Amino acid sequence: MKYVYILESLDLAHHYIGIADDLRGRLSKHNAGEVPHTSKYRPWRIKTYIAFDDAKRAFAFERYLKSGSGRAFAKKRL
């Protein structure tokens, strides 16, 4: 399974969109400061995640969420 996830910093001002095979393990890495892009805004919590059994569709959905219309969709619906 591939998980597309949206993280929310506990200050509620920052969000991060990513993809992982092991969602809990990836969250641990974000909160431990092992991911340079997210280390400044930790701690993080999972706001939303979606599981995909097809990696190609998961990567396409992650790419969409990182686009302008995808961010608007996530803000309104997720």
PDB file of N, CA and C in Angstrom:
ATOM      1  N   MET A   1       0.839  -1.190   0.000  1.00  0.00           N
ATOM      2  CA  MET A   1       0.000   0.000   0.000  1.00  0.00           C
ATOM      3  C   MET A   1       0.879   1.248   0.000  1.00  0.00           C
ATOM      4  N   LYS A   2       0.416   2.244  -0.688  1.00  0.00           N
ATOM      5  CA  LYS A   2       1.033   3.567  -0.666  1.00  0.00           C
ATOM      6  C   LYS A   2       0.048   4.511   0.007  1.00  0.00           C
ATOM      7  N   TYR A   3       0.562   5.345   0.870  1.00  0.00           N
ATOM      8  CA  TYR A   3      -0.261   6.309   1.587  1.00  0.00           C
ATOM      9  C   TYR A   3       0.116   7.719   1.165  1.00  0.00           C
ATOM     10  N   VAL A   4      -0.863   8.475   0.704  1.00  0.00           N
ATOM     11  CA  VAL A   4      -0.691   9.897   0.450  1.00  0.00           C
ATOM     12  C   VAL A   4      -1.246  10.581   1.687  1.00  0.00           C
ATOM     13  N   TYR A   5      -0.429  11.456   2.273  1.00  0.00           N
ATOM     14  CA  TYR A   5      -0.832  12.027   3.559  1.00  0.00           C
ATOM     15  C   TYR A   5      -0.655  13.540   3.573  1.00  0.00           C
ATOM     16  N   ILE A   6      -1.418  14.153   4.450  1.00  0.00           N
ATOM     17  CA  ILE A   6      -1.280  15.587   4.720  1.00  0.00           C
ATOM     18  C   ILE A   6      -0.971  15.714   6.202  1.00  0.00           C
ATOM     19  N   LEU A   7       0.167  16.349   6.486  1.00  0.00           N
ATOM     20  CA  LEU A   7       0.538  16.611   7.864  1.00  0.00           C
ATOM     21  C   LEU A   7       0.184  18.044   8.214  1.00  0.00           C
ATOM     22  N   GLU A   8      -0.104  18.253   9.476  1.00  0.00           N
ATOM     23  CA  GLU A   8      -0.415  19.582   9.978  1.00  0.00           C
ATOM     24  C   GLU A   8       0.475  19.824  11.186  1.00  0.00           C
ATOM     25  N   SER A   9       1.165  20.955  11.206  1.00  0.00           N
ATOM     26  CA  SER A   9       1.983  21.268  12.372  1.00  0.00           C
ATOM     27  C   SER A   9       1.048  21.602  13.535  1.00  0.00           C
ATOM     28  N   LEU A  10       1.521  21.381  14.725  1.00  0.00           N
ATOM     29  CA  LEU A  10       0.653  21.630  15.881  1.00  0.00           C
ATOM     30  C   LEU A  10       0.359  23.110  16.079  1.00  0.00           C
ATOM     31  N   ASP A  11       1.126  23.991  15.440  1.00  0.00           N
ATOM     32  CA  ASP A  11       0.777  25.414  15.490  1.00  0.00           C
ATOM     33  C   ASP A  11      -0.319  25.760  14.479  1.00  0.00           C
ATOM     34  N   LEU A  12      -0.734  24.750  13.687  1.00  0.00           N
ATOM     35  CA  LEU A  12      -1.816  24.846  12.698  1.00  0.00           C
ATOM     36  C   LEU A  12      -1.530  25.811  11.550  1.00  0.00           C
ATOM     37  N   ALA A  13      -0.311  26.308  11.452  1.00  0.00           N
ATOM     38  CA  ALA A  13       0.018  27.269  10.408  1.00  0.00           C
ATOM     39  C   ALA A  13       0.685  26.633   9.189  1.00  0.00           C
ATOM     40  N   HIS A  14       1.156  25.389   9.311  1.00  0.00           N
ATOM     41  CA  HIS A  14       1.888  24.762   8.217  1.00  0.00           C
ATOM     42  C   HIS A  14       1.322  23.390   7.900  1.00  0.00           C
ATOM     43  N   HIS A  15       1.374  23.048   6.606  1.00  0.00           N
ATOM     44  CA  HIS A  15       0.929  21.742   6.137  1.00  0.00           C
ATOM     45  C   HIS A  15       1.997  21.151   5.232  1.00  0.00           C
ATOM     46  N   TYR A  16       2.017  19.838   5.144  1.00  0.00           N
ATOM     47  CA  TYR A  16       2.972  19.143   4.289  1.00  0.00           C
ATOM     48  C   TYR A  16       2.264  17.965   3.642  1.00  0.00           C
ATOM     49  N   ILE A  17       2.489  17.769   2.356  1.00  0.00           N
ATOM     50  CA  ILE A  17       1.892  16.667   1.614  1.00  0.00           C
ATOM     51  C   ILE A  17       3.002  15.707   1.224  1.00  0.00           C
ATOM     52  N   GLY A  18       2.799  14.429   1.470  1.00  0.00           N
ATOM     53  CA  GLY A  18       3.823  13.450   1.139  1.00  0.00           C
ATOM     54  C   GLY A  18       3.230  12.096   0.805  1.00  0.00           C
ATOM     55  N   ILE A  19       4.111  11.145   0.538  1.00  0.00           N
ATOM     56  CA  ILE A  19       3.714   9.785   0.203  1.00  0.00           C
ATOM     57  C   ILE A  19       4.662   8.829   0.908  1.00  0.00           C
ATOM     58  N   ALA A  20       4.136   7.690   1.368  1.00  0.00           N
ATOM     59  CA  ALA A  20       4.965   6.740   2.109  1.00  0.00           C
ATOM     60  C   ALA A  20       4.371   5.342   2.048  1.00  0.00           C
ATOM     61  N   ASP A  21       5.231   4.352   2.283  1.00  0.00           N
ATOM     62  CA  ASP A  21       4.779   2.970   2.431  1.00  0.00           C
ATOM     63  C   ASP A  21       4.390   2.689   3.878  1.00  0.00           C
ATOM     64  N   ASP A  22       5.126   3.286   4.811  1.00  0.00           N
ATOM     65  CA  ASP A  22       4.912   3.093   6.250  1.00  0.00           C
ATOM     66  C   ASP A  22       4.552   4.450   6.843  1.00  0.00           C
ATOM     67  N   LEU A  23       3.287   4.696   7.019  1.00  0.00           N
ATOM     68  CA  LEU A  23       2.809   6.009   7.447  1.00  0.00           C
ATOM     69  C   LEU A  23       3.292   6.374   8.847  1.00  0.00           C
ATOM     70  N   ARG A  24       3.187   5.458   9.784  1.00  0.00           N
ATOM     71  CA  ARG A  24       3.628   5.752  11.158  1.00  0.00           C
ATOM     72  C   ARG A  24       5.129   5.992  11.228  1.00  0.00           C
ATOM     73  N   GLY A  25       5.881   5.191  10.501  1.00  0.00           N
ATOM     74  CA  GLY A  25       7.322   5.372  10.472  1.00  0.00           C
ATOM     75  C   GLY A  25       7.718   6.710   9.864  1.00  0.00           C
ATOM     76  N   ARG A  26       7.018   7.096   8.819  1.00  0.00           N
ATOM     77  CA  ARG A  26       7.308   8.378   8.165  1.00  0.00           C
ATOM     78  C   ARG A  26       6.972   9.545   9.077  1.00  0.00           C
ATOM     79  N   LEU A  27       5.858   9.462   9.798  1.00  0.00           N
ATOM     80  CA  LEU A  27       5.501  10.509  10.756  1.00  0.00           C
ATOM     81  C   LEU A  27       6.571  10.617  11.837  1.00  0.00           C
ATOM     82  N   SER A  28       7.081   9.496  12.299  1.00  0.00           N
ATOM     83  CA  SER A  28       8.154   9.504  13.303  1.00  0.00           C
ATOM     84  C   SER A  28       9.391  10.230  12.782  1.00  0.00           C
ATOM     85  N   LYS A  29       9.720  10.001  11.512  1.00  0.00           N
ATOM     86  CA  LYS A  29      10.875  10.685  10.920  1.00  0.00           C
ATOM     87  C   LYS A  29      10.644  12.188  10.834  1.00  0.00           C
ATOM     88  N   HIS A  30       9.434  12.590  10.454  1.00  0.00           N
ATOM     89  CA  HIS A  30       9.126  14.024  10.413  1.00  0.00           C
ATOM     90  C   HIS A  30       9.275  14.636  11.800  1.00  0.00           C
ATOM     91  N   ASN A  31       8.743  13.979  12.812  1.00  0.00           N
ATOM     92  CA  ASN A  31       8.783  14.531  14.167  1.00  0.00           C
ATOM     93  C   ASN A  31      10.162  14.444  14.812  1.00  0.00           C
ATOM     94  N   ALA A  32      11.023  13.560  14.320  1.00  0.00           N
ATOM     95  CA  ALA A  32      12.383  13.449  14.852  1.00  0.00           C
ATOM     96  C   ALA A  32      13.326  14.450  14.189  1.00  0.00           C
ATOM     97  N   GLY A  33      12.851  15.178  13.194  1.00  0.00           N
ATOM     98  CA  GLY A  33      13.681  16.156  12.512  1.00  0.00           C
ATOM     99  C   GLY A  33      14.554  15.566  11.423  1.00  0.00           C
ATOM    100  N   GLU A  34      14.262  14.359  10.978  1.00  0.00           N
ATOM    101  CA  GLU A  34      15.061  13.691   9.957  1.00  0.00           C
ATOM    102  C   GLU A  34      14.702  14.114   8.534  1.00  0.00           C
ATOM    103  N   VAL A  35      13.650  14.883   8.385  1.00  0.00           N
ATOM    104  CA  VAL A  35      13.234  15.376   7.067  1.00  0.00           C
ATOM    105  C   VAL A  35      13.507  16.880   7.051  1.00  0.00           C
ATOM    106  N   PRO A  36      14.518  17.318   6.293  1.00  0.00           N
ATOM    107  CA  PRO A  36      14.921  18.732   6.337  1.00  0.00           C
ATOM    108  C   PRO A  36      13.785  19.725   6.077  1.00  0.00           C
ATOM    109  N   HIS A  37      12.902  19.406   5.147  1.00  0.00           N
ATOM    110  CA  HIS A  37      11.836  20.351   4.793  1.00  0.00           C
ATOM    111  C   HIS A  37      10.844  20.583   5.934  1.00  0.00           C
ATOM    112  N   THR A  38      10.653  19.600   6.793  1.00  0.00           N
ATOM    113  CA  THR A  38       9.640  19.724   7.843  1.00  0.00           C
ATOM    114  C   THR A  38      10.217  19.911   9.237  1.00  0.00           C
ATOM    115  N   SER A  39      11.521  19.874   9.375  1.00  0.00           N
ATOM    116  CA  SER A  39      12.117  19.902  10.718  1.00  0.00           C
ATOM    117  C   SER A  39      11.865  21.204  11.466  1.00  0.00           C
ATOM    118  N   LYS A  40      11.699  22.310  10.747  1.00  0.00           N
ATOM    119  CA  LYS A  40      11.505  23.607  11.408  1.00  0.00           C
ATOM    120  C   LYS A  40      10.136  23.754  12.067  1.00  0.00           C
ATOM    121  N   TYR A  41       9.162  23.002  11.603  1.00  0.00           N
ATOM    122  CA  TYR A  41       7.785  23.225  12.047  1.00  0.00           C
ATOM    123  C   TYR A  41       7.228  22.092  12.884  1.00  0.00           C
ATOM    124  N   ARG A  42       8.055  21.234  13.392  1.00  0.00           N
ATOM    125  CA  ARG A  42       7.575  20.102  14.181  1.00  0.00           C
ATOM    126  C   ARG A  42       7.117  20.554  15.554  1.00  0.00           C
ATOM    127  N   PRO A  43       6.302  19.834  16.228  1.00  0.00           N
ATOM    128  CA  PRO A  43       5.799  18.500  15.905  1.00  0.00           C
ATOM    129  C   PRO A  43       4.641  18.546  14.911  1.00  0.00           C
ATOM    130  N   TRP A  44       4.463  17.406  14.243  1.00  0.00           N
ATOM    131  CA  TRP A  44       3.440  17.228  13.223  1.00  0.00           C
ATOM    132  C   TRP A  44       2.421  16.192  13.671  1.00  0.00           C
ATOM    133  N   ARG A  45       1.241  16.291  13.105  1.00  0.00           N
ATOM    134  CA  ARG A  45       0.227  15.243  13.273  1.00  0.00           C
ATOM    135  C   ARG A  45      -0.376  14.971  11.907  1.00  0.00           C
ATOM    136  N   ILE A  46      -0.925  13.804  11.755  1.00  0.00           N
ATOM    137  CA  ILE A  46      -1.562  13.444  10.492  1.00  0.00           C
ATOM    138  C   ILE A  46      -2.940  14.083  10.462  1.00  0.00           C
ATOM    139  N   LYS A  47      -3.174  14.886   9.445  1.00  0.00           N
ATOM    140  CA  LYS A  47      -4.487  15.497   9.270  1.00  0.00           C
ATOM    141  C   LYS A  47      -5.382  14.564   8.465  1.00  0.00           C
ATOM    142  N   THR A  48      -4.845  14.036   7.348  1.00  0.00           N
ATOM    143  CA  THR A  48      -5.598  13.158   6.457  1.00  0.00           C
ATOM    144  C   THR A  48      -4.637  12.212   5.767  1.00  0.00           C
ATOM    145  N   TYR A  49      -5.098  11.003   5.503  1.00  0.00           N
ATOM    146  CA  TYR A  49      -4.325  10.119   4.640  1.00  0.00           C
ATOM    147  C   TYR A  49      -5.273   9.274   3.814  1.00  0.00           C
ATOM    148  N   ILE A  50      -4.787   8.865   2.647  1.00  0.00           N
ATOM    149  CA  ILE A  50      -5.559   8.039   1.728  1.00  0.00           C
ATOM    150  C   ILE A  50      -4.660   6.896   1.296  1.00  0.00           C
ATOM    151  N   ALA A  51      -5.157   5.673   1.388  1.00  0.00           N
ATOM    152  CA  ALA A  51      -4.387   4.488   1.017  1.00  0.00           C
ATOM    153  C   ALA A  51      -4.694   4.098  -0.422  1.00  0.00           C
ATOM    154  N   PHE A  52      -3.655   3.763  -1.163  1.00  0.00           N
ATOM    155  CA  PHE A  52      -3.770   3.326  -2.550  1.00  0.00           C
ATOM    156  C   PHE A  52      -3.104   1.970  -2.695  1.00  0.00           C
ATOM    157  N   ASP A  53      -3.716   1.075  -3.448  1.00  0.00           N
ATOM    158  CA  ASP A  53      -3.059  -0.196  -3.751  1.00  0.00           C
ATOM    159  C   ASP A  53      -2.297  -0.127  -5.064  1.00  0.00           C
ATOM    160  N   ASP A  54      -2.428   0.978  -5.776  1.00  0.00           N
ATOM    161  CA  ASP A  54      -1.734   1.204  -7.040  1.00  0.00           C
ATOM    162  C   ASP A  54      -0.775   2.389  -6.868  1.00  0.00           C
ATOM    163  N   ALA A  55       0.520   2.119  -6.921  1.00  0.00           N
ATOM    164  CA  ALA A  55       1.525   3.161  -6.691  1.00  0.00           C
ATOM    165  C   ALA A  55       1.423   4.296  -7.706  1.00  0.00           C
ATOM    166  N   LYS A  56       1.122   3.977  -8.944  1.00  0.00           N
ATOM    167  CA  LYS A  56       1.023   4.996  -9.986  1.00  0.00           C
ATOM    168  C   LYS A  56      -0.085   6.001  -9.666  1.00  0.00           C
ATOM    169  N   ARG A  57      -1.210   5.510  -9.206  1.00  0.00           N
ATOM    170  CA  ARG A  57      -2.321   6.400  -8.837  1.00  0.00           C
ATOM    171  C   ARG A  57      -1.980   7.221  -7.600  1.00  0.00           C
ATOM    172  N   ALA A  58      -1.247   6.615  -6.660  1.00  0.00           N
ATOM    173  CA  ALA A  58      -0.843   7.332  -5.449  1.00  0.00           C
ATOM    174  C   ALA A  58       0.066   8.509  -5.802  1.00  0.00           C
ATOM    175  N   PHE A  59       1.067   8.264  -6.654  1.00  0.00           N
ATOM    176  CA  PHE A  59       1.973   9.339  -7.045  1.00  0.00           C
ATOM    177  C   PHE A  59       1.238  10.427  -7.821  1.00  0.00           C
ATOM    178  N   ALA A  60       0.285  10.040  -8.646  1.00  0.00           N
ATOM    179  CA  ALA A  60      -0.506  11.024  -9.395  1.00  0.00           C
ATOM    180  C   ALA A  60      -1.349  11.873  -8.455  1.00  0.00           C
ATOM    181  N   PHE A  61      -1.932  11.257  -7.428  1.00  0.00           N
ATOM    182  CA  PHE A  61      -2.759  12.013  -6.484  1.00  0.00           C
ATOM    183  C   PHE A  61      -1.891  12.946  -5.639  1.00  0.00           C
ATOM    184  N   GLU A  62      -0.724  12.482  -5.240  1.00  0.00           N
ATOM    185  CA  GLU A  62       0.185  13.360  -4.483  1.00  0.00           C
ATOM    186  C   GLU A  62       0.569  14.568  -5.333  1.00  0.00           C
ATOM    187  N   ARG A  63       0.911  14.339  -6.583  1.00  0.00           N
ATOM    188  CA  ARG A  63       1.277  15.421  -7.491  1.00  0.00           C
ATOM    189  C   ARG A  63       0.114  16.406  -7.637  1.00  0.00           C
ATOM    190  N   TYR A  64      -1.116  15.874  -7.733  1.00  0.00           N
ATOM    191  CA  TYR A  64      -2.294  16.739  -7.830  1.00  0.00           C
ATOM    192  C   TYR A  64      -2.456  17.585  -6.568  1.00  0.00           C
ATOM    193  N   LEU A  65      -2.311  16.967  -5.387  1.00  0.00           N
ATOM    194  CA  LEU A  65      -2.480  17.722  -4.145  1.00  0.00           C
ATOM    195  C   LEU A  65      -1.455  18.842  -3.997  1.00  0.00           C
ATOM    196  N   LYS A  66      -0.302  18.683  -4.620  1.00  0.00           N
ATOM    197  CA  LYS A  66       0.731  19.711  -4.546  1.00  0.00           C
ATOM    198  C   LYS A  66       0.527  20.818  -5.572  1.00  0.00           C
ATOM    199  N   SER A  67      -0.444  20.667  -6.447  1.00  0.00           N
ATOM    200  CA  SER A  67      -0.752  21.707  -7.433  1.00  0.00           C
ATOM    201  C   SER A  67      -1.672  22.746  -6.800  1.00  0.00           C
ATOM    202  N   GLY A  68      -1.857  23.833  -7.479  1.00  0.00           N
ATOM    203  CA  GLY A  68      -2.736  24.888  -6.967  1.00  0.00           C
ATOM    204  C   GLY A  68      -4.164  24.422  -6.760  1.00  0.00           C
ATOM    205  N   SER A  69      -4.731  23.742  -7.750  1.00  0.00           N
ATOM    206  CA  SER A  69      -6.113  23.277  -7.611  1.00  0.00           C
ATOM    207  C   SER A  69      -6.200  22.159  -6.570  1.00  0.00           C
ATOM    208  N   GLY A  70      -5.155  21.355  -6.456  1.00  0.00           N
ATOM    209  CA  GLY A  70      -5.144  20.294  -5.446  1.00  0.00           C
ATOM    210  C   GLY A  70      -5.087  20.852  -4.038  1.00  0.00           C
ATOM    211  N   ARG A  71      -4.326  21.908  -3.853  1.00  0.00           N
ATOM    212  CA  ARG A  71      -4.272  22.550  -2.523  1.00  0.00           C
ATOM    213  C   ARG A  71      -5.633  23.142  -2.162  1.00  0.00           C
ATOM    214  N   ALA A  72      -6.306  23.746  -3.144  1.00  0.00           N
ATOM    215  CA  ALA A  72      -7.641  24.293  -2.895  1.00  0.00           C
ATOM    216  C   ALA A  72      -8.613  23.170  -2.551  1.00  0.00           C
ATOM    217  N   PHE A  73      -8.522  22.055  -3.285  1.00  0.00           N
ATOM    218  CA  PHE A  73      -9.365  20.891  -2.993  1.00  0.00           C
ATOM    219  C   PHE A  73      -9.124  20.394  -1.575  1.00  0.00           C
ATOM    220  N   ALA A  74      -7.859  20.238  -1.196  1.00  0.00           N
ATOM    221  CA  ALA A  74      -7.526  19.721   0.140  1.00  0.00           C
ATOM    222  C   ALA A  74      -7.999  20.666   1.226  1.00  0.00           C
ATOM    223  N   LYS A  75      -7.834  21.948   1.019  1.00  0.00           N
ATOM    224  CA  LYS A  75      -8.254  22.922   2.028  1.00  0.00           C
ATOM    225  C   LYS A  75      -9.773  22.897   2.234  1.00  0.00           C
ATOM    226  N   LYS A  76     -10.497  22.719   1.153  1.00  0.00           N
ATOM    227  CA  LYS A  76     -11.959  22.735   1.236  1.00  0.00           C
ATOM    228  C   LYS A  76     -12.548  21.394   1.674  1.00  0.00           C
ATOM    229  N   ARG A  77     -11.960  20.285   1.225  1.00  0.00           N
ATOM    230  CA  ARG A  77     -12.592  18.981   1.410  1.00  0.00           C
ATOM    231  C   ARG A  77     -11.902  18.059   2.409  1.00  0.00           C
ATOM    232  N   LEU A  78     -10.600  18.233   2.599  1.00  0.00           N
ATOM    233  CA  LEU A  78      -9.889  17.308   3.474  1.00  0.00           C
ATOM    234  C   LEU A  78      -9.618  17.988   4.769  1.00  0.00           C
TER     235      LEU A  78
END
